[in-house]
């Protein structure tokens, strides 16, 4: 797992059978971003979330 400090990635399982996985990115415990796409597996959710953390760390998309 890459160093994502100060961010943490939380992969959330589907709430119902057949639903999609979600992820949440937190910084110091506060929610920074949530997934907005349907992700069919835990691995895809983790990959997508880590890609977003990399963007945060590189400053891409900051306002």
PDB file of N, CA and C in Angstrom:
ATOM      1  N   UNK A   1       0.850  -1.191   0.000  1.00  0.00           N
ATOM      2  CA  UNK A   1       0.000   0.000   0.000  1.00  0.00           C
ATOM      3  C   UNK A   1       0.890   1.247   0.000  1.00  0.00           C
ATOM      4  N   UNK A   2       0.643   2.161  -0.917  1.00  0.00           N
ATOM      5  CA  UNK A   2       1.461   3.371  -0.989  1.00  0.00           C
ATOM      6  C   UNK A   2       1.208   4.285   0.220  1.00  0.00           C
ATOM      7  N   UNK A   3       2.167   5.160   0.497  1.00  0.00           N
ATOM      8  CA  UNK A   3       2.006   6.126   1.578  1.00  0.00           C
ATOM      9  C   UNK A   3       0.992   7.180   1.148  1.00  0.00           C
ATOM     10  N   UNK A   4      -0.097   7.288   1.869  1.00  0.00           N
ATOM     11  CA  UNK A   4      -1.157   8.227   1.521  1.00  0.00           C
ATOM     12  C   UNK A   4      -1.332   9.312   2.583  1.00  0.00           C
ATOM     13  N   UNK A   5      -0.392   9.380   3.515  1.00  0.00           N
ATOM     14  CA  UNK A   5      -0.489  10.364   4.599  1.00  0.00           C
ATOM     15  C   UNK A   5      -0.601  11.756   4.008  1.00  0.00           C
ATOM     16  N   UNK A   6      -1.461  12.612   4.428  1.00  0.00           N
ATOM     17  CA  UNK A   6      -2.346  12.569   5.588  1.00  0.00           C
ATOM     18  C   UNK A   6      -3.745  12.016   5.299  1.00  0.00           C
ATOM     19  N   UNK A   7      -3.903  11.377   4.146  1.00  0.00           N
ATOM     20  CA  UNK A   7      -5.222  10.867   3.762  1.00  0.00           C
ATOM     21  C   UNK A   7      -5.371   9.388   4.125  1.00  0.00           C
ATOM     22  N   UNK A   8      -6.602   8.990   4.394  1.00  0.00           N
ATOM     23  CA  UNK A   8      -6.907   7.571   4.591  1.00  0.00           C
ATOM     24  C   UNK A   8      -8.042   7.208   3.649  1.00  0.00           C
ATOM     25  N   UNK A   9      -7.996   5.984   3.164  1.00  0.00           N
ATOM     26  CA  UNK A   9      -9.013   5.481   2.248  1.00  0.00           C
ATOM     27  C   UNK A   9      -9.868   4.459   2.972  1.00  0.00           C
ATOM     28  N   UNK A  10     -11.161   4.637   2.892  1.00  0.00           N
ATOM     29  CA  UNK A  10     -12.115   3.714   3.496  1.00  0.00           C
ATOM     30  C   UNK A  10     -12.950   3.110   2.367  1.00  0.00           C
ATOM     31  N   UNK A  11     -12.853   1.793   2.185  1.00  0.00           N
ATOM     32  CA  UNK A  11     -13.650   1.108   1.167  1.00  0.00           C
ATOM     33  C   UNK A  11     -14.890   0.549   1.861  1.00  0.00           C
ATOM     34  N   UNK A  12     -16.044   0.929   1.359  1.00  0.00           N
ATOM     35  CA  UNK A  12     -17.319   0.560   1.977  1.00  0.00           C
ATOM     36  C   UNK A  12     -18.007  -0.525   1.166  1.00  0.00           C
ATOM     37  N   UNK A  13     -18.384  -1.620   1.823  1.00  0.00           N
ATOM     38  CA  UNK A  13     -19.066  -2.699   1.107  1.00  0.00           C
ATOM     39  C   UNK A  13     -20.478  -2.283   0.692  1.00  0.00           C
ATOM     40  N   UNK A  14     -21.059  -3.009  -0.255  1.00  0.00           N
ATOM     41  CA  UNK A  14     -22.431  -2.689  -0.677  1.00  0.00           C
ATOM     42  C   UNK A  14     -23.393  -2.803   0.502  1.00  0.00           C
ATOM     43  N   UNK A  15     -24.380  -1.923   0.519  1.00  0.00           N
ATOM     44  CA  UNK A  15     -25.379  -1.948   1.596  1.00  0.00           C
ATOM     45  C   UNK A  15     -26.451  -2.998   1.348  1.00  0.00           C
ATOM     46  N   UNK A  16     -26.585  -3.422   0.105  1.00  0.00           N
ATOM     47  CA  UNK A  16     -27.596  -4.430  -0.245  1.00  0.00           C
ATOM     48  C   UNK A  16     -27.024  -5.369  -1.302  1.00  0.00           C
ATOM     49  N   UNK A  17     -27.573  -6.545  -1.384  1.00  0.00           N
ATOM     50  CA  UNK A  17     -27.160  -7.526  -2.389  1.00  0.00           C
ATOM     51  C   UNK A  17     -27.248  -6.915  -3.784  1.00  0.00           C
ATOM     52  N   UNK A  18     -26.187  -7.023  -4.561  1.00  0.00           N
ATOM     53  CA  UNK A  18     -26.187  -6.500  -5.921  1.00  0.00           C
ATOM     54  C   UNK A  18     -25.868  -5.018  -6.033  1.00  0.00           C
ATOM     55  N   UNK A  19     -25.693  -4.340  -4.900  1.00  0.00           N
ATOM     56  CA  UNK A  19     -25.358  -2.915  -4.926  1.00  0.00           C
ATOM     57  C   UNK A  19     -23.860  -2.755  -5.181  1.00  0.00           C
ATOM     58  N   UNK A  20     -23.414  -1.527  -5.319  1.00  0.00           N
ATOM     59  CA  UNK A  20     -22.016  -1.277  -5.649  1.00  0.00           C
ATOM     60  C   UNK A  20     -21.191  -0.911  -4.418  1.00  0.00           C
ATOM     61  N   UNK A  21     -19.874  -1.046  -4.580  1.00  0.00           N
ATOM     62  CA  UNK A  21     -18.937  -0.623  -3.542  1.00  0.00           C
ATOM     63  C   UNK A  21     -18.765   0.890  -3.621  1.00  0.00           C
ATOM     64  N   UNK A  22     -18.380   1.477  -2.529  1.00  0.00           N
ATOM     65  CA  UNK A  22     -18.126   2.910  -2.442  1.00  0.00           C
ATOM     66  C   UNK A  22     -16.782   3.109  -1.754  1.00  0.00           C
ATOM     67  N   UNK A  23     -16.219   4.298  -1.851  1.00  0.00           N
ATOM     68  CA  UNK A  23     -15.035   4.639  -1.075  1.00  0.00           C
ATOM     69  C   UNK A  23     -15.196   6.040  -0.527  1.00  0.00           C
ATOM     70  N   UNK A  24     -14.451   6.304   0.540  1.00  0.00           N
ATOM     71  CA  UNK A  24     -14.423   7.629   1.141  1.00  0.00           C
ATOM     72  C   UNK A  24     -12.973   7.957   1.466  1.00  0.00           C
ATOM     73  N   UNK A  25     -12.590   9.196   1.202  1.00  0.00           N
ATOM     74  CA  UNK A  25     -11.255   9.672   1.536  1.00  0.00           C
ATOM     75  C   UNK A  25     -11.407  10.637   2.702  1.00  0.00           C
ATOM     76  N   UNK A  26     -10.571  10.426   3.720  1.00  0.00           N
ATOM     77  CA  UNK A  26     -10.589  11.282   4.899  1.00  0.00           C
ATOM     78  C   UNK A  26      -9.215  11.886   5.132  1.00  0.00           C
ATOM     79  N   UNK A  27      -9.230  13.079   5.674  1.00  0.00           N
ATOM     80  CA  UNK A  27      -7.995  13.751   6.094  1.00  0.00           C
ATOM     81  C   UNK A  27      -8.194  14.167   7.542  1.00  0.00           C
ATOM     82  N   UNK A  28      -7.362  13.626   8.402  1.00  0.00           N
ATOM     83  CA  UNK A  28      -7.485  13.863   9.842  1.00  0.00           C
ATOM     84  C   UNK A  28      -8.893  13.516  10.327  1.00  0.00           C
ATOM     85  N   UNK A  29      -9.472  12.470   9.774  1.00  0.00           N
ATOM     86  CA  UNK A  29     -10.785  11.997  10.190  1.00  0.00           C
ATOM     87  C   UNK A  29     -11.956  12.684   9.522  1.00  0.00           C
ATOM     88  N   UNK A  30     -11.722  13.789   8.838  1.00  0.00           N
ATOM     89  CA  UNK A  30     -12.808  14.522   8.184  1.00  0.00           C
ATOM     90  C   UNK A  30     -12.956  14.071   6.737  1.00  0.00           C
ATOM     91  N   UNK A  31     -14.195  13.892   6.325  1.00  0.00           N
ATOM     92  CA  UNK A  31     -14.486  13.476   4.955  1.00  0.00           C
ATOM     93  C   UNK A  31     -14.026  14.543   3.969  1.00  0.00           C
ATOM     94  N   UNK A  32     -13.236  14.105   2.972  1.00  0.00           N
ATOM     95  CA  UNK A  32     -12.739  14.997   1.933  1.00  0.00           C
ATOM     96  C   UNK A  32     -13.479  14.745   0.624  1.00  0.00           C
ATOM     97  N   UNK A  33     -13.680  13.472   0.303  1.00  0.00           N
ATOM     98  CA  UNK A  33     -14.301  13.119  -0.979  1.00  0.00           C
ATOM     99  C   UNK A  33     -14.920  11.736  -0.880  1.00  0.00           C
ATOM    100  N   UNK A  34     -15.997  11.529  -1.627  1.00  0.00           N
ATOM    101  CA  UNK A  34     -16.672  10.236  -1.740  1.00  0.00           C
ATOM    102  C   UNK A  34     -16.745   9.823  -3.191  1.00  0.00           C
ATOM    103  N   UNK A  35     -16.833   8.505  -3.396  1.00  0.00           N
ATOM    104  CA  UNK A  35     -16.974   8.026  -4.770  1.00  0.00           C
ATOM    105  C   UNK A  35     -18.325   8.457  -5.328  1.00  0.00           C
ATOM    106  N   UNK A  36     -18.336   8.710  -6.626  1.00  0.00           N
ATOM    107  CA  UNK A  36     -19.587   9.104  -7.275  1.00  0.00           C
ATOM    108  C   UNK A  36     -19.943   8.153  -8.417  1.00  0.00           C
ATOM    109  N   UNK A  37     -19.184   7.065  -8.525  1.00  0.00           N
ATOM    110  CA  UNK A  37     -19.447   6.072  -9.564  1.00  0.00           C
ATOM    111  C   UNK A  37     -19.771   4.739  -8.927  1.00  0.00           C
ATOM    112  N   UNK A  38     -20.444   3.885  -9.692  1.00  0.00           N
ATOM    113  CA  UNK A  38     -20.712   2.538  -9.212  1.00  0.00           C
ATOM    114  C   UNK A  38     -19.488   1.675  -9.454  1.00  0.00           C
ATOM    115  N   UNK A  39     -19.034   1.005  -8.421  1.00  0.00           N
ATOM    116  CA  UNK A  39     -17.844   0.171  -8.486  1.00  0.00           C
ATOM    117  C   UNK A  39     -18.247  -1.246  -8.137  1.00  0.00           C
ATOM    118  N   UNK A  40     -17.946  -2.168  -9.039  1.00  0.00           N
ATOM    119  CA  UNK A  40     -18.480  -3.527  -8.919  1.00  0.00           C
ATOM    120  C   UNK A  40     -17.694  -4.447  -8.001  1.00  0.00           C
ATOM    121  N   UNK A  41     -16.487  -4.024  -7.582  1.00  0.00           N
ATOM    122  CA  UNK A  41     -15.707  -4.888  -6.697  1.00  0.00           C
ATOM    123  C   UNK A  41     -14.928  -4.044  -5.696  1.00  0.00           C
ATOM    124  N   UNK A  42     -14.498  -4.696  -4.623  1.00  0.00           N
ATOM    125  CA  UNK A  42     -13.690  -4.014  -3.613  1.00  0.00           C
ATOM    126  C   UNK A  42     -12.368  -3.545  -4.222  1.00  0.00           C
ATOM    127  N   UNK A  43     -11.776  -4.383  -5.082  1.00  0.00           N
ATOM    128  CA  UNK A  43     -10.508  -4.032  -5.719  1.00  0.00           C
ATOM    129  C   UNK A  43     -10.653  -2.786  -6.594  1.00  0.00           C
ATOM    130  N   UNK A  44     -11.738  -2.703  -7.353  1.00  0.00           N
ATOM    131  CA  UNK A  44     -11.954  -1.533  -8.209  1.00  0.00           C
ATOM    132  C   UNK A  44     -12.196  -0.281  -7.368  1.00  0.00           C
ATOM    133  N   UNK A  45     -12.902  -0.436  -6.264  1.00  0.00           N
ATOM    134  CA  UNK A  45     -13.148   0.695  -5.370  1.00  0.00           C
ATOM    135  C   UNK A  45     -11.825   1.180  -4.768  1.00  0.00           C
ATOM    136  N   UNK A  46     -10.981   0.245  -4.333  1.00  0.00           N
ATOM    137  CA  UNK A  46      -9.683   0.605  -3.750  1.00  0.00           C
ATOM    138  C   UNK A  46      -8.803   1.314  -4.795  1.00  0.00           C
ATOM    139  N   UNK A  47      -8.766   0.779  -6.003  1.00  0.00           N
ATOM    140  CA  UNK A  47      -7.971   1.369  -7.084  1.00  0.00           C
ATOM    141  C   UNK A  47      -8.446   2.790  -7.397  1.00  0.00           C
ATOM    142  N   UNK A  48      -9.737   2.972  -7.499  1.00  0.00           N
ATOM    143  CA  UNK A  48     -10.311   4.279  -7.801  1.00  0.00           C
ATOM    144  C   UNK A  48     -10.017   5.271  -6.673  1.00  0.00           C
ATOM    145  N   UNK A  49     -10.192   4.835  -5.435  1.00  0.00           N
ATOM    146  CA  UNK A  49      -9.937   5.705  -4.286  1.00  0.00           C
ATOM    147  C   UNK A  49      -8.480   6.109  -4.193  1.00  0.00           C
ATOM    148  N   UNK A  50      -7.569   5.163  -4.417  1.00  0.00           N
ATOM    149  CA  UNK A  50      -6.141   5.478  -4.374  1.00  0.00           C
ATOM    150  C   UNK A  50      -5.753   6.456  -5.478  1.00  0.00           C
ATOM    151  N   UNK A  51      -6.370   6.328  -6.645  1.00  0.00           N
ATOM    152  CA  UNK A  51      -6.101   7.263  -7.737  1.00  0.00           C
ATOM    153  C   UNK A  51      -6.521   8.680  -7.339  1.00  0.00           C
ATOM    154  N   UNK A  52      -7.628   8.796  -6.646  1.00  0.00           N
ATOM    155  CA  UNK A  52      -8.081  10.114  -6.207  1.00  0.00           C
ATOM    156  C   UNK A  52      -7.160  10.687  -5.130  1.00  0.00           C
ATOM    157  N   UNK A  53      -6.655   9.827  -4.244  1.00  0.00           N
ATOM    158  CA  UNK A  53      -5.701  10.299  -3.231  1.00  0.00           C
ATOM    159  C   UNK A  53      -4.435  10.802  -3.916  1.00  0.00           C
ATOM    160  N   UNK A  54      -3.973  10.092  -4.929  1.00  0.00           N
ATOM    161  CA  UNK A  54      -2.782  10.538  -5.662  1.00  0.00           C
ATOM    162  C   UNK A  54      -3.005  11.928  -6.256  1.00  0.00           C
ATOM    163  N   UNK A  55      -4.204  12.176  -6.768  1.00  0.00           N
ATOM    164  CA  UNK A  55      -4.525  13.495  -7.300  1.00  0.00           C
ATOM    165  C   UNK A  55      -4.476  14.549  -6.195  1.00  0.00           C
ATOM    166  N   UNK A  56      -5.028  14.204  -5.021  1.00  0.00           N
ATOM    167  CA  UNK A  56      -4.996  15.124  -3.887  1.00  0.00           C
ATOM    168  C   UNK A  56      -3.550  15.440  -3.495  1.00  0.00           C
ATOM    169  N   UNK A  57      -2.714  14.405  -3.425  1.00  0.00           N
ATOM    170  CA  UNK A  57      -1.330  14.578  -3.012  1.00  0.00           C
ATOM    171  C   UNK A  57      -0.522  15.398  -4.008  1.00  0.00           C
ATOM    172  N   UNK A  58      -0.860  15.278  -5.301  1.00  0.00           N
ATOM    173  CA  UNK A  58      -0.125  16.015  -6.330  1.00  0.00           C
ATOM    174  C   UNK A  58      -0.662  17.422  -6.536  1.00  0.00           C
ATOM    175  N   UNK A  59      -1.809  17.718  -5.912  1.00  0.00           N
ATOM    176  CA  UNK A  59      -2.386  19.055  -6.043  1.00  0.00           C
ATOM    177  C   UNK A  59      -3.299  19.210  -7.237  1.00  0.00           C
ATOM    178  N   UNK A  60      -3.543  18.139  -7.994  1.00  0.00           N
ATOM    179  CA  UNK A  60      -4.432  18.211  -9.155  1.00  0.00           C
ATOM    180  C   UNK A  60      -5.860  18.437  -8.660  1.00  0.00           C
ATOM    181  N   UNK A  61      -6.530  19.413  -9.241  1.00  0.00           N
ATOM    182  CA  UNK A  61      -7.926  19.657  -8.911  1.00  0.00           C
ATOM    183  C   UNK A  61      -8.133  20.520  -7.679  1.00  0.00           C
ATOM    184  N   UNK A  62      -7.044  21.028  -7.076  1.00  0.00           N
ATOM    185  CA  UNK A  62      -7.224  21.905  -5.919  1.00  0.00           C
ATOM    186  C   UNK A  62      -7.755  23.246  -6.380  1.00  0.00           C
ATOM    187  N   UNK A  63      -8.522  23.863  -5.511  1.00  0.00           N
ATOM    188  CA  UNK A  63      -9.110  25.167  -5.846  1.00  0.00           C
ATOM    189  C   UNK A  63      -8.351  26.271  -5.188  1.00  0.00           C
TER     190      UNK A  63
END
